[in-house]
């Protein structure tokens, strides 16, 4: 069975979650775009159900967003994060400042 991993990003332009994947021979890389933390949690639960072994969150997720996704998968998937405490795409604010309004 192929190993499945995921990279998830959050962006306001994403109305409905969007997915694409790359077949890497021995594994599959799934990329998921979501429009906020609630959608991220929903997608993370689906990914866990589909057998994904890890989710790496983009730097647009703040520490609260990371915690919410990790809580949503309840230990079934490892959740890591690319960290920008002051994200350059958000005028140097945290992802939490952007997504927890």
C-alpha atoms as a PDB file:
ATOM      1  CA  UNK A   1       0.000   0.000   0.000  1.00  0.00           C
ATOM      2  CA  UNK A   2       1.252   3.471  -0.861  1.00  0.00           C
ATOM      3  CA  UNK A   3       2.050   5.885   1.916  1.00  0.00           C
ATOM      4  CA  UNK A   4      -0.176   8.980   1.807  1.00  0.00           C
ATOM      5  CA  UNK A   5       0.937  12.380   3.076  1.00  0.00           C
ATOM      6  CA  UNK A   6      -0.698  15.807   2.860  1.00  0.00           C
ATOM      7  CA  UNK A   7       0.294  19.456   2.639  1.00  0.00           C
ATOM      8  CA  UNK A   8      -2.582  21.788   3.553  1.00  0.00           C
ATOM      9  CA  UNK A   9      -2.769  25.523   2.932  1.00  0.00           C
ATOM     10  CA  UNK A  10      -5.310  28.126   4.026  1.00  0.00           C
ATOM     11  CA  UNK A  11      -6.349  31.059   1.846  1.00  0.00           C
ATOM     12  CA  UNK A  12      -9.376  33.358   1.794  1.00  0.00           C
ATOM     13  CA  UNK A  13      -9.927  32.790  -1.940  1.00  0.00           C
ATOM     14  CA  UNK A  14     -10.772  29.121  -1.340  1.00  0.00           C
ATOM     15  CA  UNK A  15     -14.574  28.894  -1.072  1.00  0.00           C
ATOM     16  CA  UNK A  16     -14.761  25.105  -1.071  1.00  0.00           C
ATOM     17  CA  UNK A  17     -11.849  22.794  -0.219  1.00  0.00           C
ATOM     18  CA  UNK A  18      -9.758  21.952  -3.268  1.00  0.00           C
ATOM     19  CA  UNK A  19      -7.498  18.914  -3.658  1.00  0.00           C
ATOM     20  CA  UNK A  20      -4.844  17.716  -6.014  1.00  0.00           C
ATOM     21  CA  UNK A  21      -2.365  14.892  -5.678  1.00  0.00           C
ATOM     22  CA  UNK A  22       0.936  13.651  -7.013  1.00  0.00           C
ATOM     23  CA  UNK A  23       1.721   9.957  -7.434  1.00  0.00           C
ATOM     24  CA  UNK A  24       5.299   9.589  -6.250  1.00  0.00           C
ATOM     25  CA  UNK A  25       5.592   5.873  -6.986  1.00  0.00           C
ATOM     26  CA  UNK A  26       5.944   4.602  -3.438  1.00  0.00           C
ATOM     27  CA  UNK A  27       3.571   7.215  -2.099  1.00  0.00           C
ATOM     28  CA  UNK A  28       1.046   9.913  -2.774  1.00  0.00           C
ATOM     29  CA  UNK A  29       1.341  13.602  -1.917  1.00  0.00           C
ATOM     30  CA  UNK A  30      -2.072  15.211  -1.480  1.00  0.00           C
ATOM     31  CA  UNK A  31      -2.337  18.999  -1.488  1.00  0.00           C
ATOM     32  CA  UNK A  32      -5.451  20.522   0.039  1.00  0.00           C
ATOM     33  CA  UNK A  33      -6.518  24.165   0.041  1.00  0.00           C
ATOM     34  CA  UNK A  34      -9.082  25.394   2.567  1.00  0.00           C
ATOM     35  CA  UNK A  35     -10.701  28.742   3.316  1.00  0.00           C
ATOM     36  CA  UNK A  36     -10.364  28.682   7.115  1.00  0.00           C
ATOM     37  CA  UNK A  37      -9.756  26.640  10.232  1.00  0.00           C
ATOM     38  CA  UNK A  38     -13.182  24.961  10.332  1.00  0.00           C
ATOM     39  CA  UNK A  39     -12.746  23.629   6.792  1.00  0.00           C
ATOM     40  CA  UNK A  40      -9.198  22.562   7.685  1.00  0.00           C
ATOM     41  CA  UNK A  41     -10.498  20.467  10.573  1.00  0.00           C
ATOM     42  CA  UNK A  42     -13.181  18.880   8.385  1.00  0.00           C
ATOM     43  CA  UNK A  43     -10.661  18.024   5.674  1.00  0.00           C
ATOM     44  CA  UNK A  44      -8.141  16.715   8.213  1.00  0.00           C
ATOM     45  CA  UNK A  45     -10.727  14.269   9.580  1.00  0.00           C
ATOM     46  CA  UNK A  46     -11.486  13.078   6.037  1.00  0.00           C
ATOM     47  CA  UNK A  47      -7.779  12.667   5.305  1.00  0.00           C
ATOM     48  CA  UNK A  48      -7.338  10.601   8.469  1.00  0.00           C
ATOM     49  CA  UNK A  49     -10.239   8.386   7.387  1.00  0.00           C
ATOM     50  CA  UNK A  50      -8.513   7.954   4.000  1.00  0.00           C
ATOM     51  CA  UNK A  51      -5.302   6.686   5.574  1.00  0.00           C
ATOM     52  CA  UNK A  52      -3.099   9.784   5.379  1.00  0.00           C
ATOM     53  CA  UNK A  53      -0.236   9.391   7.870  1.00  0.00           C
ATOM     54  CA  UNK A  54       0.804  13.031   8.180  1.00  0.00           C
ATOM     55  CA  UNK A  55      -0.496  16.503   7.484  1.00  0.00           C
ATOM     56  CA  UNK A  56       1.893  19.414   7.137  1.00  0.00           C
ATOM     57  CA  UNK A  57       0.192  22.786   7.522  1.00  0.00           C
ATOM     58  CA  UNK A  58       1.397  25.881   5.673  1.00  0.00           C
ATOM     59  CA  UNK A  59       2.756  28.897   7.514  1.00  0.00           C
ATOM     60  CA  UNK A  60      -0.642  30.585   7.203  1.00  0.00           C
ATOM     61  CA  UNK A  61      -1.860  28.477  10.131  1.00  0.00           C
ATOM     62  CA  UNK A  62      -1.045  30.006  13.485  1.00  0.00           C
ATOM     63  CA  UNK A  63      -0.496  28.082  16.693  1.00  0.00           C
ATOM     64  CA  UNK A  64      -4.231  27.978  17.422  1.00  0.00           C
ATOM     65  CA  UNK A  65      -4.952  26.704  13.894  1.00  0.00           C
ATOM     66  CA  UNK A  66      -2.324  24.003  14.320  1.00  0.00           C
ATOM     67  CA  UNK A  67      -3.862  22.982  17.645  1.00  0.00           C
ATOM     68  CA  UNK A  68      -7.377  22.877  16.175  1.00  0.00           C
ATOM     69  CA  UNK A  69      -6.322  20.582  13.300  1.00  0.00           C
ATOM     70  CA  UNK A  70      -4.331  18.334  15.638  1.00  0.00           C
ATOM     71  CA  UNK A  71      -7.338  18.082  17.958  1.00  0.00           C
ATOM     72  CA  UNK A  72      -9.646  17.308  15.023  1.00  0.00           C
ATOM     73  CA  UNK A  73      -7.650  14.216  14.026  1.00  0.00           C
ATOM     74  CA  UNK A  74      -7.411  13.011  17.627  1.00  0.00           C
ATOM     75  CA  UNK A  75      -3.969  11.443  17.271  1.00  0.00           C
ATOM     76  CA  UNK A  76      -4.803   9.433  14.138  1.00  0.00           C
ATOM     77  CA  UNK A  77      -2.459  11.582  12.016  1.00  0.00           C
ATOM     78  CA  UNK A  78       0.740  13.444  12.846  1.00  0.00           C
ATOM     79  CA  UNK A  79       0.249  17.187  12.255  1.00  0.00           C
ATOM     80  CA  UNK A  80       3.258  19.418  11.611  1.00  0.00           C
ATOM     81  CA  UNK A  81       3.481  23.021  10.539  1.00  0.00           C
ATOM     82  CA  UNK A  82       5.695  25.357   8.572  1.00  0.00           C
ATOM     83  CA  UNK A  83       5.977  28.265  10.996  1.00  0.00           C
ATOM     84  CA  UNK A  84       5.887  31.965  10.297  1.00  0.00           C
ATOM     85  CA  UNK A  85       5.101  33.718  13.569  1.00  0.00           C
ATOM     86  CA  UNK A  86       4.757  36.863  11.475  1.00  0.00           C
ATOM     87  CA  UNK A  87       3.619  35.719   8.034  1.00  0.00           C
ATOM     88  CA  UNK A  88       4.845  37.940   5.184  1.00  0.00           C
ATOM     89  CA  UNK A  89       1.654  37.296   3.208  1.00  0.00           C
ATOM     90  CA  UNK A  90      -0.462  38.644   6.063  1.00  0.00           C
ATOM     91  CA  UNK A  91       1.370  41.957   6.540  1.00  0.00           C
ATOM     92  CA  UNK A  92       3.573  40.260   9.144  1.00  0.00           C
ATOM     93  CA  UNK A  93       0.677  39.117  11.319  1.00  0.00           C
ATOM     94  CA  UNK A  94       0.124  35.599  12.636  1.00  0.00           C
ATOM     95  CA  UNK A  95      -2.235  33.258  10.815  1.00  0.00           C
ATOM     96  CA  UNK A  96      -4.288  33.238  14.007  1.00  0.00           C
ATOM     97  CA  UNK A  97      -4.781  37.006  13.664  1.00  0.00           C
ATOM     98  CA  UNK A  98      -6.010  36.424  10.111  1.00  0.00           C
ATOM     99  CA  UNK A  99      -8.236  33.370  10.593  1.00  0.00           C
ATOM    100  CA  UNK A 100      -9.688  33.776  14.099  1.00  0.00           C
ATOM    101  CA  UNK A 101     -11.631  36.962  13.399  1.00  0.00           C
END
